[in-house]
């Protein structure tokens, strides 16, 4: 069950949004983003080769993480 949840783009997007919203543009936020991308690469390596059924779902988590982080930063700047 946790295997399916971790490579869900919705979970990664939620984490990216919360980091961007809470921290905005800061050094800590960028470090968390970098650690998140590193964790994503490790997770992709752990999962092994993708098949046609799960390839898009698996690889969309990284871009969803980045886009949601940017959206969180935008909303943070509108609030502050």
C-alpha atoms as a PDB file:
ATOM      1  CA  UNK A   1       0.000   0.000   0.000  1.00  0.00           C
ATOM      2  CA  UNK A   2       2.727   2.484   0.885  1.00  0.00           C
ATOM      3  CA  UNK A   3       4.435   1.622  -2.399  1.00  0.00           C
ATOM      4  CA  UNK A   4       1.458   2.944  -4.371  1.00  0.00           C
ATOM      5  CA  UNK A   5       1.137   6.061  -2.233  1.00  0.00           C
ATOM      6  CA  UNK A   6       4.767   7.131  -2.517  1.00  0.00           C
ATOM      7  CA  UNK A   7       4.896   7.291  -6.297  1.00  0.00           C
ATOM      8  CA  UNK A   8       1.511   8.936  -6.582  1.00  0.00           C
ATOM      9  CA  UNK A   9       1.949  12.393  -8.134  1.00  0.00           C
ATOM     10  CA  UNK A  10      -0.750  13.717  -5.797  1.00  0.00           C
ATOM     11  CA  UNK A  11       1.315  12.952  -2.694  1.00  0.00           C
ATOM     12  CA  UNK A  12       4.456  14.513  -4.204  1.00  0.00           C
ATOM     13  CA  UNK A  13       2.441  17.532  -5.378  1.00  0.00           C
ATOM     14  CA  UNK A  14       0.957  18.002  -1.915  1.00  0.00           C
ATOM     15  CA  UNK A  15       4.388  17.941  -0.305  1.00  0.00           C
ATOM     16  CA  UNK A  16       5.772  20.428  -2.842  1.00  0.00           C
ATOM     17  CA  UNK A  17       2.810  22.764  -2.350  1.00  0.00           C
ATOM     18  CA  UNK A  18       3.111  22.723   1.438  1.00  0.00           C
ATOM     19  CA  UNK A  19       6.854  23.436   1.289  1.00  0.00           C
ATOM     20  CA  UNK A  20       6.361  26.320  -1.157  1.00  0.00           C
ATOM     21  CA  UNK A  21       3.433  27.756   0.779  1.00  0.00           C
ATOM     22  CA  UNK A  22       5.060  27.493   4.191  1.00  0.00           C
ATOM     23  CA  UNK A  23       8.597  28.585   3.337  1.00  0.00           C
ATOM     24  CA  UNK A  24       8.265  30.651   0.167  1.00  0.00           C
ATOM     25  CA  UNK A  25      11.511  31.432  -1.601  1.00  0.00           C
ATOM     26  CA  UNK A  26      14.181  30.667   0.948  1.00  0.00           C
ATOM     27  CA  UNK A  27      17.351  28.664   1.237  1.00  0.00           C
ATOM     28  CA  UNK A  28      15.618  26.057   3.377  1.00  0.00           C
ATOM     29  CA  UNK A  29      12.849  25.664   0.804  1.00  0.00           C
ATOM     30  CA  UNK A  30      15.331  25.108  -2.024  1.00  0.00           C
ATOM     31  CA  UNK A  31      17.274  22.587   0.059  1.00  0.00           C
ATOM     32  CA  UNK A  32      14.069  20.679   0.802  1.00  0.00           C
ATOM     33  CA  UNK A  33      13.247  20.744  -2.911  1.00  0.00           C
ATOM     34  CA  UNK A  34      16.707  19.402  -3.777  1.00  0.00           C
ATOM     35  CA  UNK A  35      16.409  16.656  -1.165  1.00  0.00           C
ATOM     36  CA  UNK A  36      12.964  15.813  -2.541  1.00  0.00           C
ATOM     37  CA  UNK A  37      14.316  15.449  -6.074  1.00  0.00           C
ATOM     38  CA  UNK A  38      17.163  13.295  -4.798  1.00  0.00           C
ATOM     39  CA  UNK A  39      14.646  11.110  -2.932  1.00  0.00           C
ATOM     40  CA  UNK A  40      12.580  10.908  -6.124  1.00  0.00           C
ATOM     41  CA  UNK A  41      15.599   9.664  -8.091  1.00  0.00           C
ATOM     42  CA  UNK A  42      16.400   7.095  -5.428  1.00  0.00           C
ATOM     43  CA  UNK A  43      12.781   5.968  -5.472  1.00  0.00           C
ATOM     44  CA  UNK A  44      12.824   5.593  -9.269  1.00  0.00           C
ATOM     45  CA  UNK A  45      15.991   3.520  -9.006  1.00  0.00           C
ATOM     46  CA  UNK A  46      14.382   1.346  -6.313  1.00  0.00           C
ATOM     47  CA  UNK A  47      11.314   0.698  -8.464  1.00  0.00           C
ATOM     48  CA  UNK A  48      13.402  -0.563 -11.365  1.00  0.00           C
ATOM     49  CA  UNK A  49      12.317  -0.553 -14.971  1.00  0.00           C
ATOM     50  CA  UNK A  50       8.893   0.839 -15.724  1.00  0.00           C
ATOM     51  CA  UNK A  51       6.289  -0.949 -17.744  1.00  0.00           C
ATOM     52  CA  UNK A  52       3.840   0.714 -20.114  1.00  0.00           C
ATOM     53  CA  UNK A  53       0.993   0.708 -17.595  1.00  0.00           C
ATOM     54  CA  UNK A  54       2.780   2.572 -14.800  1.00  0.00           C
ATOM     55  CA  UNK A  55       5.400   4.651 -16.606  1.00  0.00           C
ATOM     56  CA  UNK A  56       3.489   7.934 -16.828  1.00  0.00           C
ATOM     57  CA  UNK A  57       2.151   7.682 -13.297  1.00  0.00           C
ATOM     58  CA  UNK A  58       5.616   6.940 -11.924  1.00  0.00           C
ATOM     59  CA  UNK A  59       7.508   9.730 -13.706  1.00  0.00           C
ATOM     60  CA  UNK A  60       4.882  12.437 -13.305  1.00  0.00           C
ATOM     61  CA  UNK A  61       5.559  12.680  -9.561  1.00  0.00           C
ATOM     62  CA  UNK A  62       8.799  14.694 -10.029  1.00  0.00           C
ATOM     63  CA  UNK A  63       7.342  17.424 -12.258  1.00  0.00           C
ATOM     64  CA  UNK A  64       4.215  17.561 -10.069  1.00  0.00           C
ATOM     65  CA  UNK A  65       6.479  18.157  -7.055  1.00  0.00           C
ATOM     66  CA  UNK A  66       8.231  21.067  -8.798  1.00  0.00           C
ATOM     67  CA  UNK A  67       5.091  22.712 -10.234  1.00  0.00           C
ATOM     68  CA  UNK A  68       3.260  22.510  -6.923  1.00  0.00           C
ATOM     69  CA  UNK A  69       6.241  24.025  -5.122  1.00  0.00           C
ATOM     70  CA  UNK A  70       6.119  26.973  -7.539  1.00  0.00           C
ATOM     71  CA  UNK A  71       2.351  27.287  -7.042  1.00  0.00           C
ATOM     72  CA  UNK A  72       2.884  27.320  -3.269  1.00  0.00           C
ATOM     73  CA  UNK A  73       5.471  30.092  -3.652  1.00  0.00           C
ATOM     74  CA  UNK A  74       3.063  32.140  -5.779  1.00  0.00           C
ATOM     75  CA  UNK A  75       0.265  31.820  -3.263  1.00  0.00           C
ATOM     76  CA  UNK A  76       2.692  32.600  -0.424  1.00  0.00           C
ATOM     77  CA  UNK A  77       3.742  35.818  -2.181  1.00  0.00           C
ATOM     78  CA  UNK A  78       0.103  36.820  -2.722  1.00  0.00           C
ATOM     79  CA  UNK A  79      -0.716  36.266   0.951  1.00  0.00           C
ATOM     80  CA  UNK A  80       2.330  38.093   2.309  1.00  0.00           C
END
